[in-house]
Amino acid sequence: QVTLVETGGGLVQAGTSLRLSCVVSGTSIVTYAMGWFRQAPGKEREFVACVDYAGTRSEIGDSLKGRFTISRDNDKRTVTLQMNSLKPEDTAIYLCAAAWADFGTPRSAEEFGIWGQGTQVTVSS
């Protein structure tokens, strides 16, 4: 069974940074594109970032470019989301997701078949 577990969330002040990690168990991740999404109360799930299977290409949500970066370590089966200059509007549950046999950089939630439970990020003003 493939599971994704996110860690690193918490309560922080605006302007600070957080690093989220997603550890995958049950499979190698070399054939998966990996992504992060977020969902705030009353809002639709929003694309945050994705990285291709090799870690050579990545995509960041348009409104997040310049503040968020994504990386992966296939040997450690870990995907990391670095979030800088956090704003109150970044408050959400952040979810890690995996897209099997996808060698691109998917941005749509429908392209990801495996999801973690999420980690809460709260940014106070």
PDB file of N, CA and C in Angstrom:
ATOM      1  N   GLN A   1       0.840  -1.192   0.000  1.00  0.00           N
ATOM      2  CA  GLN A   1       0.000   0.000   0.000  1.00  0.00           C
ATOM      3  C   GLN A   1       0.877   1.244   0.000  1.00  0.00           C
ATOM      4  N   VAL A   2       0.561   2.156  -0.883  1.00  0.00           N
ATOM      5  CA  VAL A   2       1.322   3.388  -0.992  1.00  0.00           C
ATOM      6  C   VAL A   2       0.698   4.438  -0.091  1.00  0.00           C
ATOM      7  N   THR A   3       1.510   5.050   0.749  1.00  0.00           N
ATOM      8  CA  THR A   3       1.019   6.117   1.617  1.00  0.00           C
ATOM      9  C   THR A   3       1.930   7.328   1.510  1.00  0.00           C
ATOM     10  N   LEU A   4       1.324   8.484   1.660  1.00  0.00           N
ATOM     11  CA  LEU A   4       2.033   9.754   1.663  1.00  0.00           C
ATOM     12  C   LEU A   4       1.758  10.426   2.999  1.00  0.00           C
ATOM     13  N   VAL A   5       2.808  10.852   3.667  1.00  0.00           N
ATOM     14  CA  VAL A   5       2.650  11.501   4.963  1.00  0.00           C
ATOM     15  C   VAL A   5       3.352  12.848   4.924  1.00  0.00           C
ATOM     16  N   GLU A   6       2.564  13.881   5.171  1.00  0.00           N
ATOM     17  CA  GLU A   6       3.094  15.240   5.172  1.00  0.00           C
ATOM     18  C   GLU A   6       3.452  15.670   6.599  1.00  0.00           C
ATOM     19  N   THR A   7       4.523  16.387   6.726  1.00  0.00           N
ATOM     20  CA  THR A   7       4.925  16.965   8.008  1.00  0.00           C
ATOM     21  C   THR A   7       5.455  18.368   7.773  1.00  0.00           C
ATOM     22  N   GLY A   8       5.560  19.115   8.869  1.00  0.00           N
ATOM     23  CA  GLY A   8       6.187  20.429   8.799  1.00  0.00           C
ATOM     24  C   GLY A   8       5.242  21.605   8.928  1.00  0.00           C
ATOM     25  N   GLY A   9       3.959  21.337   8.958  1.00  0.00           N
ATOM     26  CA  GLY A   9       3.015  22.438   9.106  1.00  0.00           C
ATOM     27  C   GLY A   9       3.058  23.026  10.505  1.00  0.00           C
ATOM     28  N   GLY A  10       2.346  24.126  10.667  1.00  0.00           N
ATOM     29  CA  GLY A  10       2.292  24.743  11.973  1.00  0.00           C
ATOM     30  C   GLY A  10       1.747  26.147  11.910  1.00  0.00           C
ATOM     31  N   LEU A  11       1.855  26.845  13.035  1.00  0.00           N
ATOM     32  CA  LEU A  11       1.407  28.227  13.148  1.00  0.00           C
ATOM     33  C   LEU A  11       2.628  29.130  13.109  1.00  0.00           C
ATOM     34  N   VAL A  12       2.661  30.028  12.138  1.00  0.00           N
ATOM     35  CA  VAL A  12       3.793  30.932  11.992  1.00  0.00           C
ATOM     36  C   VAL A  12       3.293  32.347  11.751  1.00  0.00           C
ATOM     37  N   GLN A  13       4.202  33.302  11.897  1.00  0.00           N
ATOM     38  CA  GLN A  13       3.857  34.689  11.631  1.00  0.00           C
ATOM     39  C   GLN A  13       4.119  35.031  10.170  1.00  0.00           C
ATOM     40  N   ALA A  14       3.399  35.988   9.695  1.00  0.00           N
ATOM     41  CA  ALA A  14       3.592  36.451   8.324  1.00  0.00           C
ATOM     42  C   ALA A  14       5.034  36.901   8.129  1.00  0.00           C
ATOM     43  N   GLY A  15       5.552  36.587   6.956  1.00  0.00           N
ATOM     44  CA  GLY A  15       6.920  36.962   6.626  1.00  0.00           C
ATOM     45  C   GLY A  15       7.959  35.897   6.925  1.00  0.00           C
ATOM     46  N   THR A  16       7.559  34.868   7.645  1.00  0.00           N
ATOM     47  CA  THR A  16       8.498  33.799   7.976  1.00  0.00           C
ATOM     48  C   THR A  16       8.401  32.666   6.956  1.00  0.00           C
ATOM     49  N   SER A  17       9.155  31.602   7.213  1.00  0.00           N
ATOM     50  CA  SER A  17       9.229  30.484   6.263  1.00  0.00           C
ATOM     51  C   SER A  17       8.829  29.174   6.934  1.00  0.00           C
ATOM     52  N   LEU A  18       8.408  28.245   6.110  1.00  0.00           N
ATOM     53  CA  LEU A  18       8.146  26.877   6.540  1.00  0.00           C
ATOM     54  C   LEU A  18       8.625  25.929   5.458  1.00  0.00           C
ATOM     55  N   ARG A  19       9.026  24.753   5.890  1.00  0.00           N
ATOM     56  CA  ARG A  19       9.398  23.713   4.948  1.00  0.00           C
ATOM     57  C   ARG A  19       8.545  22.489   5.218  1.00  0.00           C
ATOM     58  N   LEU A  20       7.769  22.115   4.240  1.00  0.00           N
ATOM     59  CA  LEU A  20       6.927  20.931   4.344  1.00  0.00           C
ATOM     60  C   LEU A  20       7.616  19.751   3.684  1.00  0.00           C
ATOM     61  N   SER A  21       7.456  18.604   4.287  1.00  0.00           N
ATOM     62  CA  SER A  21       8.005  17.377   3.708  1.00  0.00           C
ATOM     63  C   SER A  21       6.893  16.367   3.483  1.00  0.00           C
ATOM     64  N   CYS A  22       7.065  15.582   2.460  1.00  0.00           N
ATOM     65  CA  CYS A  22       6.139  14.490   2.147  1.00  0.00           C
ATOM     66  C   CYS A  22       6.983  13.241   1.973  1.00  0.00           C
ATOM     67  N   VAL A  23       6.758  12.281   2.835  1.00  0.00           N
ATOM     68  CA  VAL A  23       7.489  11.021   2.760  1.00  0.00           C
ATOM     69  C   VAL A  23       6.561   9.946   2.216  1.00  0.00           C
ATOM     70  N   VAL A  24       7.046   9.248   1.218  1.00  0.00           N
ATOM     71  CA  VAL A  24       6.255   8.210   0.566  1.00  0.00           C
ATOM     72  C   VAL A  24       6.730   6.839   1.031  1.00  0.00           C
ATOM     73  N   SER A  25       5.815   5.994   1.371  1.00  0.00           N
ATOM     74  CA  SER A  25       6.157   4.628   1.730  1.00  0.00           C
ATOM     75  C   SER A  25       5.357   3.656   0.873  1.00  0.00           C
ATOM     76  N   GLY A  26       5.899   2.462   0.721  1.00  0.00           N
ATOM     77  CA  GLY A  26       5.193   1.432  -0.025  1.00  0.00           C
ATOM     78  C   GLY A  26       5.594   1.318  -1.472  1.00  0.00           C
ATOM     79  N   THR A  27       6.408   2.256  -1.956  1.00  0.00           N
ATOM     80  CA  THR A  27       6.830   2.199  -3.347  1.00  0.00           C
ATOM     81  C   THR A  27       7.982   3.161  -3.576  1.00  0.00           C
ATOM     82  N   SER A  28       8.736   2.891  -4.614  1.00  0.00           N
ATOM     83  CA  SER A  28       9.698   3.881  -5.101  1.00  0.00           C
ATOM     84  C   SER A  28       8.915   5.000  -5.776  1.00  0.00           C
ATOM     85  N   ILE A  29       9.461   6.200  -5.780  1.00  0.00           N
ATOM     86  CA  ILE A  29       8.736   7.309  -6.386  1.00  0.00           C
ATOM     87  C   ILE A  29       9.338   7.735  -7.720  1.00  0.00           C
ATOM     88  N   VAL A  30      10.250   6.929  -8.259  1.00  0.00           N
ATOM     89  CA  VAL A  30      10.944   7.360  -9.468  1.00  0.00           C
ATOM     90  C   VAL A  30      10.031   7.437 -10.677  1.00  0.00           C
ATOM     91  N   THR A  31       8.886   6.781 -10.629  1.00  0.00           N
ATOM     92  CA  THR A  31       7.965   6.837 -11.770  1.00  0.00           C
ATOM     93  C   THR A  31       6.771   7.746 -11.498  1.00  0.00           C
ATOM     94  N   TYR A  32       6.865   8.542 -10.441  1.00  0.00           N
ATOM     95  CA  TYR A  32       5.768   9.431 -10.094  1.00  0.00           C
ATOM     96  C   TYR A  32       6.162  10.889 -10.266  1.00  0.00           C
ATOM     97  N   ALA A  33       5.272  11.664 -10.865  1.00  0.00           N
ATOM     98  CA  ALA A  33       5.335  13.104 -10.683  1.00  0.00           C
ATOM     99  C   ALA A  33       4.741  13.386  -9.302  1.00  0.00           C
ATOM    100  N   MET A  34       5.304  14.353  -8.605  1.00  0.00           N
ATOM    101  CA  MET A  34       4.839  14.657  -7.260  1.00  0.00           C
ATOM    102  C   MET A  34       4.380  16.103  -7.186  1.00  0.00           C
ATOM    103  N   GLY A  35       3.342  16.328  -6.407  1.00  0.00           N
ATOM    104  CA  GLY A  35       2.813  17.680  -6.328  1.00  0.00           C
ATOM    105  C   GLY A  35       2.323  18.055  -4.940  1.00  0.00           C
ATOM    106  N   TRP A  36       2.104  19.326  -4.792  1.00  0.00           N
ATOM    107  CA  TRP A  36       1.492  19.880  -3.587  1.00  0.00           C
ATOM    108  C   TRP A  36       0.270  20.699  -3.999  1.00  0.00           C
ATOM    109  N   PHE A  37      -0.772  20.540  -3.233  1.00  0.00           N
ATOM    110  CA  PHE A  37      -1.974  21.338  -3.394  1.00  0.00           C
ATOM    111  C   PHE A  37      -2.328  21.901  -2.023  1.00  0.00           C
ATOM    112  N   ARG A  38      -3.234  22.866  -2.007  1.00  0.00           N
ATOM    113  CA  ARG A  38      -3.707  23.377  -0.734  1.00  0.00           C
ATOM    114  C   ARG A  38      -5.199  23.645  -0.807  1.00  0.00           C
ATOM    115  N   GLN A  39      -5.804  23.573   0.351  1.00  0.00           N
ATOM    116  CA  GLN A  39      -7.240  23.831   0.411  1.00  0.00           C
ATOM    117  C   GLN A  39      -7.545  24.619   1.675  1.00  0.00           C
ATOM    118  N   ALA A  40      -8.124  25.777   1.464  1.00  0.00           N
ATOM    119  CA  ALA A  40      -8.546  26.629   2.569  1.00  0.00           C
ATOM    120  C   ALA A  40     -10.042  26.437   2.790  1.00  0.00           C
ATOM    121  N   PRO A  41     -10.534  26.721   3.981  1.00  0.00           N
ATOM    122  CA  PRO A  41     -11.968  26.550   4.261  1.00  0.00           C
ATOM    123  C   PRO A  41     -12.827  27.324   3.274  1.00  0.00           C
ATOM    124  N   GLY A  42     -13.788  26.631   2.687  1.00  0.00           N
ATOM    125  CA  GLY A  42     -14.709  27.276   1.777  1.00  0.00           C
ATOM    126  C   GLY A  42     -14.162  27.561   0.394  1.00  0.00           C
ATOM    127  N   LYS A  43     -12.947  27.089   0.124  1.00  0.00           N
ATOM    128  CA  LYS A  43     -12.335  27.346  -1.183  1.00  0.00           C
ATOM    129  C   LYS A  43     -12.021  26.026  -1.886  1.00  0.00           C
ATOM    130  N   GLU A  44     -11.851  26.106  -3.187  1.00  0.00           N
ATOM    131  CA  GLU A  44     -11.499  24.927  -3.962  1.00  0.00           C
ATOM    132  C   GLU A  44     -10.032  24.569  -3.737  1.00  0.00           C
ATOM    133  N   ARG A  45      -9.740  23.299  -3.999  1.00  0.00           N
ATOM    134  CA  ARG A  45      -8.358  22.850  -3.908  1.00  0.00           C
ATOM    135  C   ARG A  45      -7.523  23.594  -4.953  1.00  0.00           C
ATOM    136  N   GLU A  46      -6.392  24.085  -4.541  1.00  0.00           N
ATOM    137  CA  GLU A  46      -5.558  24.937  -5.384  1.00  0.00           C
ATOM    138  C   GLU A  46      -4.202  24.301  -5.631  1.00  0.00           C
ATOM    139  N   PHE A  47      -3.781  24.322  -6.870  1.00  0.00           N
ATOM    140  CA  PHE A  47      -2.454  23.832  -7.233  1.00  0.00           C
ATOM    141  C   PHE A  47      -1.381  24.728  -6.612  1.00  0.00           C
ATOM    142  N   VAL A  48      -0.388  24.111  -5.999  1.00  0.00           N
ATOM    143  CA  VAL A  48       0.721  24.850  -5.404  1.00  0.00           C
ATOM    144  C   VAL A  48       2.003  24.629  -6.202  1.00  0.00           C
ATOM    145  N   ALA A  49       2.375  23.368  -6.395  1.00  0.00           N
ATOM    146  CA  ALA A  49       3.644  23.082  -7.076  1.00  0.00           C
ATOM    147  C   ALA A  49       3.682  21.624  -7.486  1.00  0.00           C
ATOM    148  N   CYS A  50       4.509  21.338  -8.485  1.00  0.00           N
ATOM    149  CA  CYS A  50       4.759  19.953  -8.859  1.00  0.00           C
ATOM    150  C   CYS A  50       6.187  19.841  -9.371  1.00  0.00           C
ATOM    151  N   VAL A  51       6.680  18.614  -9.353  1.00  0.00           N
ATOM    152  CA  VAL A  51       8.031  18.338  -9.840  1.00  0.00           C
ATOM    153  C   VAL A  51       7.995  17.022 -10.605  1.00  0.00           C
ATOM    154  N   ASP A  52       8.740  16.968 -11.683  1.00  0.00           N
ATOM    155  CA  ASP A  52       8.697  15.761 -12.503  1.00  0.00           C
ATOM    156  C   ASP A  52       9.452  14.626 -11.826  1.00  0.00           C
ATOM    157  N   TYR A  53       9.391  13.443 -12.413  1.00  0.00           N
ATOM    158  CA  TYR A  53       9.900  12.238 -11.771  1.00  0.00           C
ATOM    159  C   TYR A  53      11.389  12.335 -11.446  1.00  0.00           C
ATOM    160  N   ALA A  54      12.142  13.079 -12.259  1.00  0.00           N
ATOM    161  CA  ALA A  54      13.584  13.167 -12.071  1.00  0.00           C
ATOM    162  C   ALA A  54      13.999  14.368 -11.240  1.00  0.00           C
ATOM    163  N   GLY A  55      13.070  15.267 -10.972  1.00  0.00           N
ATOM    164  CA  GLY A  55      13.421  16.472 -10.242  1.00  0.00           C
ATOM    165  C   GLY A  55      14.065  17.537 -11.095  1.00  0.00           C
ATOM    166  N   THR A  56      13.956  17.409 -12.411  1.00  0.00           N
ATOM    167  CA  THR A  56      14.615  18.364 -13.301  1.00  0.00           C
ATOM    168  C   THR A  56      13.688  19.481 -13.758  1.00  0.00           C
ATOM    169  N   ARG A  57      12.395  19.249 -13.699  1.00  0.00           N
ATOM    170  CA  ARG A  57      11.428  20.276 -14.087  1.00  0.00           C
ATOM    171  C   ARG A  57      10.395  20.462 -12.985  1.00  0.00           C
ATOM    172  N   SER A  58      10.006  21.688 -12.786  1.00  0.00           N
ATOM    173  CA  SER A  58       8.999  21.951 -11.766  1.00  0.00           C
ATOM    174  C   SER A  58       8.074  23.070 -12.223  1.00  0.00           C
ATOM    175  N   GLU A  59       6.924  23.108 -11.613  1.00  0.00           N
ATOM    176  CA  GLU A  59       5.949  24.151 -11.870  1.00  0.00           C
ATOM    177  C   GLU A  59       5.490  24.693 -10.514  1.00  0.00           C
ATOM    178  N   ILE A  60       5.306  25.987 -10.450  1.00  0.00           N
ATOM    179  CA  ILE A  60       4.805  26.639  -9.236  1.00  0.00           C
ATOM    180  C   ILE A  60       3.538  27.400  -9.607  1.00  0.00           C
ATOM    181  N   GLY A  61       2.583  27.397  -8.695  1.00  0.00           N
ATOM    182  CA  GLY A  61       1.357  28.157  -8.927  1.00  0.00           C
ATOM    183  C   GLY A  61       1.670  29.602  -9.239  1.00  0.00           C
ATOM    184  N   ASP A  62       0.922  30.172 -10.154  1.00  0.00           N
ATOM    185  CA  ASP A  62       1.225  31.500 -10.677  1.00  0.00           C
ATOM    186  C   ASP A  62       1.352  32.550  -9.572  1.00  0.00           C
ATOM    187  N   SER A  63       0.490  32.493  -8.582  1.00  0.00           N
ATOM    188  CA  SER A  63       0.510  33.506  -7.532  1.00  0.00           C
ATOM    189  C   SER A  63       1.573  33.228  -6.477  1.00  0.00           C
ATOM    190  N   LEU A  64       2.268  32.098  -6.605  1.00  0.00           N
ATOM    191  CA  LEU A  64       3.228  31.688  -5.593  1.00  0.00           C
ATOM    192  C   LEU A  64       4.673  31.752  -6.074  1.00  0.00           C
ATOM    193  N   LYS A  65       4.840  32.033  -7.335  1.00  0.00           N
ATOM    194  CA  LYS A  65       6.195  32.082  -7.888  1.00  0.00           C
ATOM    195  C   LYS A  65       7.027  33.146  -7.174  1.00  0.00           C
ATOM    196  N   GLY A  66       8.257  32.765  -6.922  1.00  0.00           N
ATOM    197  CA  GLY A  66       9.151  33.681  -6.220  1.00  0.00           C
ATOM    198  C   GLY A  66       9.163  33.465  -4.719  1.00  0.00           C
ATOM    199  N   ARG A  67       8.159  32.760  -4.194  1.00  0.00           N
ATOM    200  CA  ARG A  67       8.116  32.501  -2.754  1.00  0.00           C
ATOM    201  C   ARG A  67       8.201  31.006  -2.427  1.00  0.00           C
ATOM    202  N   PHE A  68       7.648  30.168  -3.279  1.00  0.00           N
ATOM    203  CA  PHE A  68       7.606  28.725  -3.021  1.00  0.00           C
ATOM    204  C   PHE A  68       8.514  27.997  -4.002  1.00  0.00           C
ATOM    205  N   THR A  69       9.156  26.965  -3.522  1.00  0.00           N
ATOM    206  CA  THR A  69       9.920  26.069  -4.383  1.00  0.00           C
ATOM    207  C   THR A  69       9.656  24.622  -3.974  1.00  0.00           C
ATOM    208  N   ILE A  70       9.837  23.728  -4.931  1.00  0.00           N
ATOM    209  CA  ILE A  70       9.610  22.306  -4.692  1.00  0.00           C
ATOM    210  C   ILE A  70      10.850  21.535  -5.102  1.00  0.00           C
ATOM    211  N   SER A  71      11.150  20.489  -4.364  1.00  0.00           N
ATOM    212  CA  SER A  71      12.274  19.630  -4.700  1.00  0.00           C
ATOM    213  C   SER A  71      11.950  18.205  -4.269  1.00  0.00           C
ATOM    214  N   ARG A  72      12.764  17.280  -4.723  1.00  0.00           N
ATOM    215  CA  ARG A  72      12.528  15.885  -4.364  1.00  0.00           C
ATOM    216  C   ARG A  72      13.841  15.146  -4.217  1.00  0.00           C
ATOM    217  N   ASP A  73      13.798  14.105  -3.416  1.00  0.00           N
ATOM    218  CA  ASP A  73      14.937  13.209  -3.245  1.00  0.00           C
ATOM    219  C   ASP A  73      14.392  11.799  -3.421  1.00  0.00           C
ATOM    220  N   ASN A  74      14.626  11.228  -4.588  1.00  0.00           N
ATOM    221  CA  ASN A  74      14.046   9.915  -4.876  1.00  0.00           C
ATOM    222  C   ASN A  74      14.625   8.819  -3.986  1.00  0.00           C
ATOM    223  N   ASP A  75      15.873   8.955  -3.628  1.00  0.00           N
ATOM    224  CA  ASP A  75      16.474   7.938  -2.757  1.00  0.00           C
ATOM    225  C   ASP A  75      15.795   7.918  -1.388  1.00  0.00           C
ATOM    226  N   LYS A  76      15.432   9.089  -0.903  1.00  0.00           N
ATOM    227  CA  LYS A  76      14.764   9.186   0.399  1.00  0.00           C
ATOM    228  C   LYS A  76      13.247   9.162   0.270  1.00  0.00           C
ATOM    229  N   ARG A  77      12.776   9.087  -0.972  1.00  0.00           N
ATOM    230  CA  ARG A  77      11.325   9.069  -1.242  1.00  0.00           C
ATOM    231  C   ARG A  77      10.631  10.251  -0.566  1.00  0.00           C
ATOM    232  N   THR A  78      11.224  11.395  -0.732  1.00  0.00           N
ATOM    233  CA  THR A  78      10.741  12.600  -0.059  1.00  0.00           C
ATOM    234  C   THR A  78      10.591  13.741  -1.050  1.00  0.00           C
ATOM    235  N   VAL A  79       9.536  14.501  -0.857  1.00  0.00           N
ATOM    236  CA  VAL A  79       9.297  15.712  -1.633  1.00  0.00           C
ATOM    237  C   VAL A  79       9.173  16.867  -0.640  1.00  0.00           C
ATOM    238  N   THR A  80       9.819  17.965  -0.957  1.00  0.00           N
ATOM    239  CA  THR A  80       9.865  19.096  -0.044  1.00  0.00           C
ATOM    240  C   THR A  80       9.275  20.342  -0.686  1.00  0.00           C
ATOM    241  N   LEU A  81       8.504  21.060   0.091  1.00  0.00           N
ATOM    242  CA  LEU A  81       7.954  22.339  -0.352  1.00  0.00           C
ATOM    243  C   LEU A  81       8.517  23.417   0.573  1.00  0.00           C
ATOM    244  N   GLN A  82       9.325  24.288   0.016  1.00  0.00           N
ATOM    245  CA  GLN A  82       9.885  25.404   0.766  1.00  0.00           C
ATOM    246  C   GLN A  82       9.012  26.625   0.543  1.00  0.00           C
ATOM    247  N   MET A  83       8.505  27.185   1.628  1.00  0.00           N
ATOM    248  CA  MET A  83       7.601  28.332   1.531  1.00  0.00           C
ATOM    249  C   MET A  83       8.227  29.514   2.278  1.00  0.00           C
ATOM    250  N   ASN A  84       8.472  30.576   1.554  1.00  0.00           N
ATOM    251  CA  ASN A  84       9.096  31.775   2.130  1.00  0.00           C
ATOM    252  C   ASN A  84       8.129  32.947   2.096  1.00  0.00           C
ATOM    253  N   SER A  85       8.417  33.941   2.904  1.00  0.00           N
ATOM    254  CA  SER A  85       7.612  35.169   2.938  1.00  0.00           C
ATOM    255  C   SER A  85       6.133  34.848   3.042  1.00  0.00           C
ATOM    256  N   LEU A  86       5.796  34.019   3.991  1.00  0.00           N
ATOM    257  CA  LEU A  86       4.418  33.559   4.111  1.00  0.00           C
ATOM    258  C   LEU A  86       3.462  34.689   4.425  1.00  0.00           C
ATOM    259  N   LYS A  87       2.252  34.555   3.897  1.00  0.00           N
ATOM    260  CA  LYS A  87       1.199  35.548   4.071  1.00  0.00           C
ATOM    261  C   LYS A  87      -0.009  34.884   4.723  1.00  0.00           C
ATOM    262  N   PRO A  88      -0.844  35.661   5.374  1.00  0.00           N
ATOM    263  CA  PRO A  88      -2.055  35.066   5.964  1.00  0.00           C
ATOM    264  C   PRO A  88      -2.900  34.298   4.954  1.00  0.00           C
ATOM    265  N   GLU A  89      -2.917  34.738   3.710  1.00  0.00           N
ATOM    266  CA  GLU A  89      -3.704  34.036   2.688  1.00  0.00           C
ATOM    267  C   GLU A  89      -3.109  32.702   2.280  1.00  0.00           C
ATOM    268  N   ASP A  90      -1.924  32.375   2.791  1.00  0.00           N
ATOM    269  CA  ASP A  90      -1.356  31.048   2.555  1.00  0.00           C
ATOM    270  C   ASP A  90      -1.909  30.018   3.538  1.00  0.00           C
ATOM    271  N   THR A  91      -2.699  30.466   4.480  1.00  0.00           N
ATOM    272  CA  THR A  91      -3.293  29.556   5.455  1.00  0.00           C
ATOM    273  C   THR A  91      -4.190  28.545   4.763  1.00  0.00           C
ATOM    274  N   ALA A  92      -3.903  27.268   4.987  1.00  0.00           N
ATOM    275  CA  ALA A  92      -4.648  26.191   4.341  1.00  0.00           C
ATOM    276  C   ALA A  92      -4.117  24.852   4.831  1.00  0.00           C
ATOM    277  N   ILE A  93      -4.809  23.814   4.449  1.00  0.00           N
ATOM    278  CA  ILE A  93      -4.267  22.467   4.577  1.00  0.00           C
ATOM    279  C   ILE A  93      -3.476  22.182   3.307  1.00  0.00           C
ATOM    280  N   TYR A  94      -2.250  21.747   3.485  1.00  0.00           N
ATOM    281  CA  TYR A  94      -1.386  21.448   2.355  1.00  0.00           C
ATOM    282  C   TYR A  94      -1.299  19.942   2.171  1.00  0.00           C
ATOM    283  N   LEU A  95      -1.575  19.503   0.955  1.00  0.00           N
ATOM    284  CA  LEU A  95      -1.639  18.084   0.653  1.00  0.00           C
ATOM    285  C   LEU A  95      -0.600  17.705  -0.384  1.00  0.00           C
ATOM    286  N   CYS A  96       0.043  16.601  -0.131  1.00  0.00           N
ATOM    287  CA  CYS A  96       0.991  16.020  -1.065  1.00  0.00           C
ATOM    288  C   CYS A  96       0.254  15.015  -1.949  1.00  0.00           C
ATOM    289  N   ALA A  97       0.681  14.915  -3.201  1.00  0.00           N
ATOM    290  CA  ALA A  97       0.000  14.011  -4.122  1.00  0.00           C
ATOM    291  C   ALA A  97       0.993  13.394  -5.098  1.00  0.00           C
ATOM    292  N   ALA A  98       0.650  12.215  -5.586  1.00  0.00           N
ATOM    293  CA  ALA A  98       1.515  11.494  -6.520  1.00  0.00           C
ATOM    294  C   ALA A  98       0.743  11.106  -7.766  1.00  0.00           C
ATOM    295  N   ALA A  99       1.391  11.275  -8.913  1.00  0.00           N
ATOM    296  CA  ALA A  99       0.794  10.922 -10.204  1.00  0.00           C
ATOM    297  C   ALA A  99       1.655   9.833 -10.825  1.00  0.00           C
ATOM    298  N   TRP A 100       1.132   8.608 -10.853  1.00  0.00           N
ATOM    299  CA  TRP A 100       1.907   7.464 -11.320  1.00  0.00           C
ATOM    300  C   TRP A 100       2.108   7.497 -12.828  1.00  0.00           C
ATOM    301  N   ALA A 101       3.318   7.165 -13.255  1.00  0.00           N
ATOM    302  CA  ALA A 101       3.662   7.063 -14.679  1.00  0.00           C
ATOM    303  C   ALA A 101       3.419   8.370 -15.418  1.00  0.00           C
ATOM    304  N   ASP A 102       3.505   9.458 -14.704  1.00  0.00           N
ATOM    305  CA  ASP A 102       3.391  10.781 -15.333  1.00  0.00           C
ATOM    306  C   ASP A 102       4.793  11.376 -15.377  1.00  0.00           C
ATOM    307  N   PHE A 103       5.307  11.577 -16.569  1.00  0.00           N
ATOM    308  CA  PHE A 103       6.668  12.069 -16.714  1.00  0.00           C
ATOM    309  C   PHE A 103       6.712  13.551 -17.054  1.00  0.00           C
ATOM    310  N   GLY A 104       5.580  14.208 -16.842  1.00  0.00           N
ATOM    311  CA  GLY A 104       5.524  15.645 -17.037  1.00  0.00           C
ATOM    312  C   GLY A 104       5.427  16.368 -15.726  1.00  0.00           C
ATOM    313  N   THR A 105       4.787  17.522 -15.762  1.00  0.00           N
ATOM    314  CA  THR A 105       4.575  18.342 -14.570  1.00  0.00           C
ATOM    315  C   THR A 105       3.092  18.683 -14.479  1.00  0.00           C
ATOM    316  N   PRO A 106       2.308  17.746 -14.026  1.00  0.00           N
ATOM    317  CA  PRO A 106       0.855  17.958 -13.984  1.00  0.00           C
ATOM    318  C   PRO A 106       0.466  19.038 -12.995  1.00  0.00           C
ATOM    319  N   ARG A 107      -0.590  19.768 -13.320  1.00  0.00           N
ATOM    320  CA  ARG A 107      -1.068  20.844 -12.470  1.00  0.00           C
ATOM    321  C   ARG A 107      -2.512  20.622 -12.006  1.00  0.00           C
ATOM    322  N   SER A 108      -3.169  19.643 -12.585  1.00  0.00           N
ATOM    323  CA  SER A 108      -4.564  19.400 -12.249  1.00  0.00           C
ATOM    324  C   SER A 108      -4.686  18.313 -11.196  1.00  0.00           C
ATOM    325  N   ALA A 109      -5.528  18.532 -10.205  1.00  0.00           N
ATOM    326  CA  ALA A 109      -5.717  17.553  -9.137  1.00  0.00           C
ATOM    327  C   ALA A 109      -6.192  16.210  -9.686  1.00  0.00           C
ATOM    328  N   GLU A 110      -6.932  16.242 -10.781  1.00  0.00           N
ATOM    329  CA  GLU A 110      -7.458  15.006 -11.363  1.00  0.00           C
ATOM    330  C   GLU A 110      -6.355  14.101 -11.897  1.00  0.00           C
ATOM    331  N   GLU A 111      -5.186  14.642 -12.127  1.00  0.00           N
ATOM    332  CA  GLU A 111      -4.078  13.844 -12.660  1.00  0.00           C
ATOM    333  C   GLU A 111      -3.326  13.101 -11.559  1.00  0.00           C
ATOM    334  N   PHE A 112      -3.645  13.402 -10.315  1.00  0.00           N
ATOM    335  CA  PHE A 112      -2.956  12.772  -9.196  1.00  0.00           C
ATOM    336  C   PHE A 112      -3.867  11.724  -8.570  1.00  0.00           C
ATOM    337  N   GLY A 113      -3.351  10.510  -8.434  1.00  0.00           N
ATOM    338  CA  GLY A 113      -4.198   9.427  -7.952  1.00  0.00           C
ATOM    339  C   GLY A 113      -3.989   9.046  -6.504  1.00  0.00           C
ATOM    340  N   ILE A 114      -2.914   9.519  -5.910  1.00  0.00           N
ATOM    341  CA  ILE A 114      -2.618   9.162  -4.525  1.00  0.00           C
ATOM    342  C   ILE A 114      -2.394  10.449  -3.738  1.00  0.00           C
ATOM    343  N   TRP A 115      -3.038  10.516  -2.571  1.00  0.00           N
ATOM    344  CA  TRP A 115      -3.005  11.735  -1.773  1.00  0.00           C
ATOM    345  C   TRP A 115      -2.653  11.431  -0.326  1.00  0.00           C
ATOM    346  N   GLY A 116      -1.981  12.392   0.291  1.00  0.00           N
ATOM    347  CA  GLY A 116      -1.771  12.320   1.718  1.00  0.00           C
ATOM    348  C   GLY A 116      -2.940  12.948   2.466  1.00  0.00           C
ATOM    349  N   GLN A 117      -2.862  12.910   3.776  1.00  0.00           N
ATOM    350  CA  GLN A 117      -3.921  13.448   4.624  1.00  0.00           C
ATOM    351  C   GLN A 117      -3.813  14.956   4.788  1.00  0.00           C
ATOM    352  N   GLY A 118      -2.638  15.497   4.565  1.00  0.00           N
ATOM    353  CA  GLY A 118      -2.473  16.936   4.650  1.00  0.00           C
ATOM    354  C   GLY A 118      -1.860  17.389   5.967  1.00  0.00           C
ATOM    355  N   THR A 119      -1.300  18.586   5.919  1.00  0.00           N
ATOM    356  CA  THR A 119      -0.753  19.215   7.123  1.00  0.00           C
ATOM    357  C   THR A 119      -1.216  20.669   7.149  1.00  0.00           C
ATOM    358  N   GLN A 120      -1.617  21.112   8.304  1.00  0.00           N
ATOM    359  CA  GLN A 120      -2.194  22.458   8.444  1.00  0.00           C
ATOM    360  C   GLN A 120      -1.097  23.505   8.531  1.00  0.00           C
ATOM    361  N   VAL A 121      -1.247  24.537   7.731  1.00  0.00           N
ATOM    362  CA  VAL A 121      -0.373  25.708   7.802  1.00  0.00           C
ATOM    363  C   VAL A 121      -1.250  26.904   8.129  1.00  0.00           C
ATOM    364  N   THR A 122      -0.897  27.592   9.202  1.00  0.00           N
ATOM    365  CA  THR A 122      -1.637  28.783   9.609  1.00  0.00           C
ATOM    366  C   THR A 122      -0.657  29.934   9.738  1.00  0.00           C
ATOM    367  N   VAL A 123      -0.951  30.996   9.019  1.00  0.00           N
ATOM    368  CA  VAL A 123      -0.078  32.168   9.015  1.00  0.00           C
ATOM    369  C   VAL A 123      -0.826  33.325   9.669  1.00  0.00           C
ATOM    370  N   SER A 124      -0.295  33.826  10.756  1.00  0.00           N
ATOM    371  CA  SER A 124      -0.940  34.933  11.463  1.00  0.00           C
ATOM    372  C   SER A 124      -0.349  36.257  11.000  1.00  0.00           C
ATOM    373  N   SER A 125      -1.177  37.272  11.045  1.00  0.00           N
ATOM    374  CA  SER A 125      -0.740  38.594  10.578  1.00  0.00           C
ATOM    375  C   SER A 125      -0.085  39.382  11.697  1.00  0.00           C
TER     376      SER A 125
END
